[in-house]
Amino acid sequence: MTASGPGRSGFLAAWLFLLVMLRAGPASALPLLHYESMLVGVPPLEHPNCVTYDPSSGQICVTDEASRAINVFDAAGLHRFQTDQGARISMPRDACLDAERGFVFTDTGPEHQRTIRKLNFLGEPVPYEPEIPGEDWSPTHLSIAADGHYLTVDLKGLLAKHDATTGALIWSRALEDPTWERADLLGRPVEGPDGRIF
């Protein structure tokens, strides 16, 4: 592993992750936070900005914006896959593994606007055109809801849900509050066990 600047190797060595494992039981069960180890990146992760855990496969999906890549690690933290230039990724922000073991993520589109993009399990682009929910829509964070559809939040605080197959807009809601100064600080939307979105 090479370092390009002072403290770089220390940053990578110290980059640890937490797995959120839900205990089997009623919907009101609290998540169990479990420390595992460090991720071992080959090649090194330059700017990891999003980590998603897939409970069905035990895999960890890491978005690396500086490398313009999405990486997959197994449950032991070992690197298993990285997208290459064929994925045509530009500025990935938030990626998840989908039901087909492919990837869904926010990125810039052909006209440099932010959108939702999809790749198959080989890291090849899959046609997907999400319906635009509002003017200047610019989704940054994305998660997959319990029903398999996509939840996004954009820089202006617009929360939207899109059909995972067709890209049709299911619903959208502006999270407007006149006291907010930085809606761009909103993080990834998460669906709770009772269906509420946080």
Protein backbone atom coordinates (compact mmCIF):
# COMPACT_ATOMS: atom_id res chain seq x y z
CA MET A 1 0.00 0.00 0.00
CA THR A 2 1.46 3.35 -0.98
CA ALA A 3 0.77 6.71 0.57
CA SER A 4 0.57 9.94 -1.40
CA GLY A 5 0.85 12.30 1.51
CA PRO A 6 1.68 12.55 5.19
CA GLY A 7 -0.70 10.64 7.41
CA ARG A 8 -2.33 8.85 4.47
CA SER A 9 -1.31 5.36 5.50
CA GLY A 10 -2.35 6.15 9.05
CA PHE A 11 -5.76 7.19 7.81
CA LEU A 12 -6.21 3.96 5.86
CA ALA A 13 -4.96 1.84 8.73
CA ALA A 14 -7.31 3.56 11.11
CA TRP A 15 -10.35 3.35 8.85
CA LEU A 16 -12.58 0.94 10.72
CA PHE A 17 -16.13 -0.09 10.22
CA LEU A 18 -19.11 -1.03 12.34
CA LEU A 19 -21.61 -3.62 11.22
CA VAL A 20 -25.20 -3.13 12.23
CA MET A 21 -26.73 -6.52 12.86
CA LEU A 22 -30.39 -6.73 13.79
CA ARG A 23 -31.22 -9.29 16.41
CA ALA A 24 -33.82 -11.86 15.46
CA GLY A 25 -37.02 -11.02 17.24
CA PRO A 26 -39.83 -8.49 17.25
CA ALA A 27 -39.73 -5.35 15.14
CA SER A 28 -38.98 -3.29 18.25
CA ALA A 29 -35.63 -5.05 18.83
CA LEU A 30 -32.72 -2.63 19.06
CA PRO A 31 -29.83 -2.88 16.60
CA LEU A 32 -26.70 -4.59 17.89
CA LEU A 33 -23.54 -2.67 16.97
CA HIS A 34 -20.67 -5.08 16.54
CA TYR A 35 -17.05 -4.08 15.91
CA GLU A 36 -15.37 -6.43 13.44
CA SER A 37 -12.03 -5.25 12.03
CA MET A 38 -10.57 -3.00 9.36
CA LEU A 39 -11.32 -3.22 5.67
CA VAL A 40 -8.38 -4.33 3.56
CA GLY A 41 -8.48 -2.37 0.30
CA VAL A 42 -6.68 -3.53 -2.83
CA PRO A 43 -6.02 -1.05 -4.36
CA PRO A 44 -6.10 1.44 -1.45
CA LEU A 45 -9.31 3.36 -0.95
CA GLU A 46 -8.57 7.01 -1.72
CA HIS A 47 -11.72 8.70 -0.45
CA PRO A 48 -14.27 6.22 0.96
CA ASN A 49 -17.42 8.26 1.55
CA CYS A 50 -20.19 5.69 2.00
CA VAL A 51 -20.44 2.21 3.52
CA THR A 52 -23.50 -0.04 3.10
CA TYR A 53 -23.95 -3.45 4.70
CA ASP A 54 -26.06 -6.03 2.84
CA PRO A 55 -27.58 -8.40 5.44
CA SER A 56 -28.67 -11.01 2.87
CA SER A 57 -25.13 -11.64 1.56
CA GLY A 58 -23.02 -10.32 4.43
CA GLN A 59 -21.15 -8.12 1.96
CA ILE A 60 -20.03 -4.54 2.47
CA CYS A 61 -20.36 -2.02 -0.35
CA VAL A 62 -17.99 0.98 -0.19
CA THR A 63 -18.32 4.00 -2.46
CA ASP A 64 -14.96 5.63 -3.22
CA GLU A 65 -15.59 9.02 -4.79
CA ALA A 66 -11.95 9.90 -5.53
CA SER A 67 -11.32 6.61 -7.36
CA ARG A 68 -14.71 6.81 -9.12
CA ALA A 69 -15.34 3.24 -8.03
CA ILE A 70 -17.56 0.99 -5.97
CA ASN A 71 -15.87 -1.75 -3.94
CA VAL A 72 -17.28 -4.91 -2.40
CA PHE A 73 -15.81 -6.55 0.69
CA ASP A 74 -16.86 -9.83 2.27
CA ALA A 75 -17.95 -10.19 5.89
CA ALA A 76 -14.32 -10.72 6.95
CA GLY A 77 -13.35 -7.34 5.44
CA LEU A 78 -11.49 -8.80 2.44
CA HIS A 79 -11.71 -6.99 -0.89
CA ARG A 80 -13.73 -9.00 -3.45
CA PHE A 81 -14.65 -6.64 -6.30
CA GLN A 82 -14.05 -3.16 -7.69
CA THR A 83 -15.81 -1.52 -10.61
CA ASP A 84 -13.56 -0.52 -13.50
CA GLN A 85 -13.66 2.06 -16.29
CA GLY A 86 -16.39 0.08 -18.08
CA ALA A 87 -18.84 1.20 -15.38
CA ARG A 88 -18.43 4.82 -16.57
CA ILE A 89 -18.79 6.14 -13.03
CA SER A 90 -18.25 9.88 -12.65
CA MET A 91 -18.92 11.11 -9.09
CA PRO A 92 -20.44 8.28 -7.04
CA ARG A 93 -21.85 9.37 -3.71
CA ASP A 94 -23.93 6.58 -2.17
CA ALA A 95 -24.11 2.96 -3.41
CA CYS A 96 -25.99 -0.17 -2.34
CA LEU A 97 -26.17 -3.76 -3.54
CA ASP A 98 -29.59 -4.40 -5.08
CA ALA A 99 -31.75 -7.54 -5.17
CA GLU A 100 -30.02 -8.82 -8.34
CA ARG A 101 -26.55 -8.45 -6.71
CA GLY A 102 -25.92 -5.42 -8.89
CA PHE A 103 -25.37 -1.85 -7.76
CA VAL A 104 -27.63 1.17 -7.44
CA PHE A 105 -26.06 4.53 -6.63
CA THR A 106 -26.24 8.28 -7.02
CA ASP A 107 -23.91 9.74 -9.65
CA THR A 108 -23.77 12.41 -12.31
CA GLY A 109 -25.64 11.68 -15.52
CA PRO A 110 -24.71 12.41 -19.17
CA GLU A 111 -25.62 16.09 -18.83
CA HIS A 112 -23.71 16.46 -15.52
CA GLN A 113 -26.86 16.44 -13.41
CA ARG A 114 -27.03 14.11 -10.39
CA THR A 115 -29.30 11.09 -10.81
CA ILE A 116 -29.77 7.43 -9.87
CA ARG A 117 -27.67 4.93 -11.83
CA LYS A 118 -27.53 1.13 -11.91
CA LEU A 119 -24.88 -1.47 -12.73
CA ASN A 120 -25.28 -5.24 -13.06
CA PHE A 121 -23.28 -7.69 -10.91
CA LEU A 122 -20.37 -7.45 -13.37
CA GLY A 123 -20.20 -3.68 -12.92
CA GLU A 124 -21.67 -2.92 -16.37
CA PRO A 125 -24.18 -0.06 -16.83
CA VAL A 126 -27.87 -1.01 -16.82
CA PRO A 127 -30.41 1.32 -18.51
CA TYR A 128 -32.38 3.15 -15.82
CA GLU A 129 -34.10 6.52 -16.12
CA PRO A 130 -35.66 7.77 -12.89
CA GLU A 131 -38.59 10.14 -13.20
CA ILE A 132 -37.50 13.59 -12.03
CA PRO A 133 -39.50 14.58 -8.92
CA GLY A 134 -38.80 18.31 -9.00
CA GLU A 135 -36.87 21.16 -10.54
CA ASP A 136 -33.08 20.94 -10.09
CA TRP A 137 -33.38 17.49 -8.47
CA SER A 138 -29.90 16.49 -7.33
CA PRO A 139 -29.96 13.24 -5.28
CA THR A 140 -26.95 12.64 -3.08
CA HIS A 141 -27.90 9.86 -0.66
CA LEU A 142 -29.71 6.63 -1.51
CA SER A 143 -30.99 3.56 0.32
CA ILE A 144 -33.12 0.57 -0.61
CA ALA A 145 -36.49 0.39 1.14
CA ALA A 146 -37.93 -2.85 2.55
CA ASP A 147 -40.04 -3.28 -0.61
CA GLY A 148 -36.91 -3.05 -2.81
CA HIS A 149 -37.57 0.44 -4.20
CA TYR A 150 -35.13 3.34 -3.94
CA LEU A 151 -35.22 6.19 -1.43
CA THR A 152 -33.15 9.32 -2.13
CA VAL A 153 -32.62 12.71 -0.55
CA ASP A 154 -31.20 15.61 -2.51
CA LEU A 155 -29.26 18.79 -1.75
CA LYS A 156 -32.45 20.81 -1.24
CA GLY A 157 -34.06 18.32 1.15
CA LEU A 158 -36.35 16.58 -1.36
CA LEU A 159 -37.07 13.00 -0.24
CA ALA A 160 -38.22 10.74 -3.09
CA LYS A 161 -39.06 7.09 -3.71
CA HIS A 162 -38.55 5.52 -7.16
CA ASP A 163 -39.60 2.17 -8.58
CA ALA A 164 -36.53 -0.08 -8.73
CA THR A 165 -37.48 -1.55 -12.11
CA THR A 166 -39.13 1.23 -14.12
CA GLY A 167 -37.72 4.38 -12.49
CA ALA A 168 -41.27 5.73 -12.03
CA LEU A 169 -41.68 8.19 -9.16
CA ILE A 170 -43.75 6.56 -6.41
CA TRP A 171 -43.87 9.67 -4.20
CA SER A 172 -41.81 12.68 -3.13
CA ARG A 173 -41.86 15.07 -0.21
CA ALA A 174 -40.01 18.31 0.43
CA LEU A 175 -38.42 18.27 3.87
CA GLU A 176 -38.63 22.02 4.16
CA ASP A 177 -38.01 23.87 7.37
CA PRO A 178 -37.38 27.63 7.36
CA THR A 179 -34.87 27.23 10.19
CA TRP A 180 -32.58 24.98 8.12
CA GLU A 181 -29.51 26.66 6.72
CA ARG A 182 -27.83 23.57 5.26
CA ALA A 183 -30.26 21.03 3.78
CA ASP A 184 -27.22 19.57 2.00
CA LEU A 185 -26.11 18.14 5.36
CA LEU A 186 -29.00 15.66 5.35
CA GLY A 187 -27.72 12.07 5.36
CA ARG A 188 -28.96 8.79 3.96
CA PRO A 189 -32.70 8.12 4.43
CA VAL A 190 -33.39 4.97 6.44
CA GLU A 191 -36.64 3.02 6.71
CA GLY A 192 -37.46 1.79 10.20
CA PRO A 193 -39.08 -1.58 10.98
CA ASP A 194 -42.49 0.13 11.27
CA GLY A 195 -42.20 1.72 7.81
CA ARG A 196 -41.35 5.22 9.03
CA ILE A 197 -38.47 6.95 7.24
CA PHE A 198 -35.79 8.70 9.21
